[in-house]
Amino acid sequence: MKRSLTKILRCSPALVLLCTVAARAAEEGASPAEQSFGSVFKWIHFLIIAIATCWLFKKILPPYIRRNADKISAAITKATEAKAVAERQLKEAAAKLTTLEQEIQRFREQAQKDAAAELERLRAMTKTDIEKVGVAAKAEIEAAERAARVELKAIAAKLAVDRAESLLAQQMTPSVQEAMIDNFVQSLQGRPN
């Protein structure tokens, strides 16, 4: 059935042309017997053109229409695939959008936890640094104190020696020196050699 319909559609332009020519001939009032020799050539010429037109429509038009239909079908297929991809991406975006607020909240909570942990770490590190500085300062103070004591002892010893020297110089008179030497000599005499 499809084939016979295709044949009818292919020959329909020729049928339309034949009907048009017949209608024109009827209007002129000429019968086929009265037609002149030129009119027969016109009909032959018309038939040749009609047959050539039908042949062209049969040979050229169906492949062209088929190619055009294939292009349209391919375009429809691509559009369908693109539509499916777009719909899938739209669904993914919608799903992400619904979870976006939850993700943002999780990021905020995580950021707050991280900030609190960092603050606590910095506090502990500061406390440790303060303790280290205190220990170092205490050690420096003790070292400075020891150095000051040693220096103070040295100064006190020097002052004591200087004072003793001055006192000794004041108290050492020639008579005291003689008495001391005599005492020394006597202490040497009483000893066995």
Protein backbone atom coordinates (compact mmCIF):
# COMPACT_ATOMS: atom_id res chain seq x y z
CA MET A 1 0.00 0.00 0.00
CA LYS A 2 2.83 2.32 0.85
CA ARG A 3 4.47 1.56 -2.51
CA SER A 4 1.33 2.31 -4.53
CA LEU A 5 0.84 5.57 -2.62
CA THR A 6 4.45 6.50 -3.38
CA LYS A 7 3.90 5.79 -7.12
CA ILE A 8 0.77 7.90 -7.14
CA LEU A 9 2.56 10.78 -5.43
CA ARG A 10 5.45 10.53 -7.89
CA CYS A 11 3.18 10.65 -10.92
CA SER A 12 0.77 13.25 -9.55
CA PRO A 13 2.65 16.27 -10.97
CA ALA A 14 2.45 14.73 -14.41
CA LEU A 15 -1.26 14.03 -13.98
CA VAL A 16 -1.87 17.59 -12.88
CA LEU A 17 -0.05 18.90 -15.96
CA LEU A 18 -2.03 16.60 -18.29
CA CYS A 19 -5.30 17.73 -16.77
CA THR A 20 -4.29 21.36 -17.15
CA VAL A 21 -3.41 20.91 -20.82
CA ALA A 22 -6.63 19.05 -21.50
CA ALA A 23 -8.66 21.80 -19.81
CA ARG A 24 -6.93 24.45 -21.92
CA ALA A 25 -7.55 22.55 -25.09
CA ALA A 26 -11.22 22.23 -24.16
CA GLU A 27 -11.47 25.96 -23.62
CA GLU A 28 -10.11 26.69 -27.05
CA GLY A 29 -12.80 24.52 -28.48
CA ALA A 30 -10.53 22.53 -30.68
CA SER A 31 -11.02 18.82 -30.93
CA PRO A 32 -8.12 16.46 -31.20
CA ALA A 33 -8.99 15.79 -34.88
CA GLU A 34 -8.78 19.48 -35.71
CA GLN A 35 -5.44 20.02 -34.17
CA SER A 36 -2.71 21.09 -36.45
CA PHE A 37 0.60 19.45 -37.00
CA GLY A 38 2.29 22.07 -34.66
CA SER A 39 -0.07 21.26 -31.90
CA VAL A 40 0.95 17.55 -32.06
CA PHE A 41 4.57 18.63 -31.66
CA LYS A 42 3.57 20.75 -28.69
CA TRP A 43 1.97 17.70 -27.10
CA ILE A 44 4.99 15.55 -27.82
CA HIS A 45 7.22 18.26 -26.44
CA PHE A 46 4.97 18.51 -23.39
CA LEU A 47 5.09 14.73 -22.87
CA ILE A 48 8.90 14.71 -23.14
CA ILE A 49 9.14 17.50 -20.58
CA ALA A 50 6.56 15.82 -18.32
CA ILE A 51 8.39 12.47 -18.53
CA ALA A 52 11.75 14.18 -17.91
CA THR A 53 10.24 16.05 -14.96
CA CYS A 54 8.78 12.83 -13.51
CA TRP A 55 12.10 11.04 -14.05
CA LEU A 56 13.96 13.89 -12.30
CA PHE A 57 11.48 13.83 -9.44
CA LYS A 58 11.89 10.04 -9.18
CA LYS A 59 15.70 10.01 -9.31
CA ILE A 60 16.78 13.26 -7.64
CA LEU A 61 14.01 14.26 -5.26
CA PRO A 62 13.75 11.03 -3.14
CA PRO A 63 17.48 10.88 -2.28
CA TYR A 64 17.44 14.59 -1.51
CA ILE A 65 14.38 14.19 0.68
CA ARG A 66 15.95 11.09 2.28
CA ARG A 67 19.18 12.98 3.01
CA ASN A 68 17.20 15.89 4.37
CA ALA A 69 15.12 13.49 6.50
CA ASP A 70 18.33 11.82 7.74
CA LYS A 71 19.79 15.22 8.65
CA ILE A 72 16.59 16.17 10.44
CA SER A 73 16.53 12.79 12.21
CA ALA A 74 20.17 13.20 13.26
CA ALA A 75 19.45 16.73 14.47
CA ILE A 76 16.45 15.45 16.42
CA THR A 77 18.58 12.68 17.93
CA LYS A 78 21.30 15.16 18.90
CA ALA A 79 18.71 17.53 20.30
CA THR A 80 17.14 14.68 22.28
CA GLU A 81 20.55 13.70 23.67
CA ALA A 82 21.35 17.34 24.46
CA LYS A 83 17.98 17.69 26.14
CA ALA A 84 18.61 14.55 28.21
CA VAL A 85 22.06 15.85 29.21
CA ALA A 86 20.62 19.27 30.06
CA GLU A 87 17.82 17.69 32.11
CA ARG A 88 20.34 15.50 33.95
CA GLN A 89 22.53 18.54 34.64
CA LEU A 90 19.46 20.46 35.76
CA LYS A 91 18.54 17.66 38.17
CA GLU A 92 22.11 17.54 39.49
CA ALA A 93 22.14 21.31 39.92
CA ALA A 94 18.77 21.19 41.70
CA ALA A 95 20.05 18.43 43.99
CA LYS A 96 23.21 20.40 44.70
CA LEU A 97 21.15 23.51 45.31
CA THR A 98 19.04 21.70 47.89
CA THR A 99 22.14 20.45 49.67
CA LEU A 100 24.03 23.72 49.20
CA GLU A 101 22.54 25.35 52.30
CA GLN A 102 23.40 22.28 54.36
CA GLU A 103 26.95 22.29 52.99
CA ILE A 104 27.31 25.98 53.77
CA GLN A 105 26.11 25.33 57.33
CA ARG A 106 28.58 22.43 57.68
CA PHE A 107 31.39 24.64 56.35
CA ARG A 108 30.48 27.35 58.86
CA GLU A 109 30.40 24.88 61.74
CA GLN A 110 33.71 23.36 60.65
CA ALA A 111 35.24 26.83 60.30
CA GLN A 112 34.06 27.74 63.80
CA LYS A 113 35.48 24.49 65.21
CA ASP A 114 38.77 25.08 63.40
CA ALA A 115 38.92 28.68 64.61
CA ALA A 116 38.21 27.61 68.21
CA ALA A 117 40.85 24.88 67.99
CA GLU A 118 43.35 27.34 66.52
CA LEU A 119 42.55 29.88 69.25
CA GLU A 120 43.04 27.24 71.93
CA ARG A 121 46.31 26.12 70.33
CA LEU A 122 47.54 29.72 70.21
CA ARG A 123 46.57 30.23 73.86
CA ALA A 124 48.42 27.08 74.90
CA MET A 125 51.43 28.07 72.81
CA THR A 126 51.37 31.59 74.32
CA LYS A 127 51.14 30.13 77.83
CA THR A 128 54.08 27.83 77.09
CA ASP A 129 56.06 30.74 75.66
CA ILE A 130 55.27 32.85 78.74
CA GLU A 131 56.45 30.01 80.97
CA LYS A 132 59.63 29.64 78.92
CA VAL A 133 60.27 33.39 79.08
CA GLY A 134 59.65 33.31 82.87
CA VAL A 135 62.08 30.43 83.34
CA ALA A 136 64.67 32.13 81.14
CA ALA A 137 64.21 35.45 83.00
CA LYS A 138 64.51 33.68 86.35
CA ALA A 139 67.70 31.95 85.19
CA GLU A 140 69.11 35.27 83.98
CA ILE A 141 68.20 36.95 87.25
CA GLU A 142 69.86 34.17 89.24
CA ALA A 143 72.96 34.35 87.04
CA ALA A 144 73.06 38.14 87.41
CA GLU A 145 72.59 37.75 91.18
CA ARG A 146 75.46 35.25 91.40
CA ALA A 147 77.66 37.50 89.31
CA ALA A 148 76.69 40.48 91.51
CA ARG A 149 77.51 38.48 94.68
CA VAL A 150 80.87 37.43 93.29
CA GLU A 151 81.58 41.00 92.29
CA LEU A 152 80.34 42.26 95.66
CA LYS A 153 82.57 39.75 97.45
CA ALA A 154 85.51 40.86 95.35
CA ILE A 155 84.79 44.52 96.10
CA ALA A 156 84.28 43.73 99.81
CA ALA A 157 87.52 41.77 99.90
CA LYS A 158 89.37 44.57 98.15
CA LEU A 159 87.87 47.13 100.50
CA ALA A 160 88.73 44.95 103.51
CA VAL A 161 92.29 44.52 102.26
CA ASP A 162 92.58 48.24 101.57
CA ARG A 163 91.12 49.09 104.99
CA ALA A 164 93.34 46.58 106.73
CA GLU A 165 96.31 47.93 104.86
CA SER A 166 95.48 51.49 105.89
CA LEU A 167 94.83 50.42 109.48
CA LEU A 168 98.03 48.43 109.48
CA ALA A 169 99.89 51.37 108.00
CA GLN A 170 98.50 53.64 110.73
CA GLN A 171 99.27 51.20 113.53
CA MET A 172 102.62 50.07 112.25
CA THR A 173 105.09 52.24 113.90
CA PRO A 174 108.84 51.52 114.07
CA SER A 175 108.54 50.31 117.67
CA VAL A 176 105.66 47.94 116.79
CA GLN A 177 107.68 46.61 113.86
CA GLU A 178 110.64 45.92 116.13
CA ALA A 179 108.43 44.14 118.63
CA MET A 180 106.98 41.98 115.92
CA ILE A 181 110.33 41.03 114.53
CA ASP A 182 111.57 40.19 118.04
CA ASN A 183 108.54 37.98 118.66
CA PHE A 184 109.14 36.26 115.35
CA VAL A 185 112.78 35.61 116.04
CA GLN A 186 112.00 34.26 119.50
CA SER A 187 109.41 31.91 118.03
CA LEU A 188 112.03 30.64 115.64
CA GLN A 189 114.57 30.06 118.40
CA GLY A 190 112.29 27.92 120.41
CA ARG A 191 111.78 25.51 117.55
CA PRO A 192 113.95 22.66 116.71
CA ASN A 193 115.47 22.77 113.31
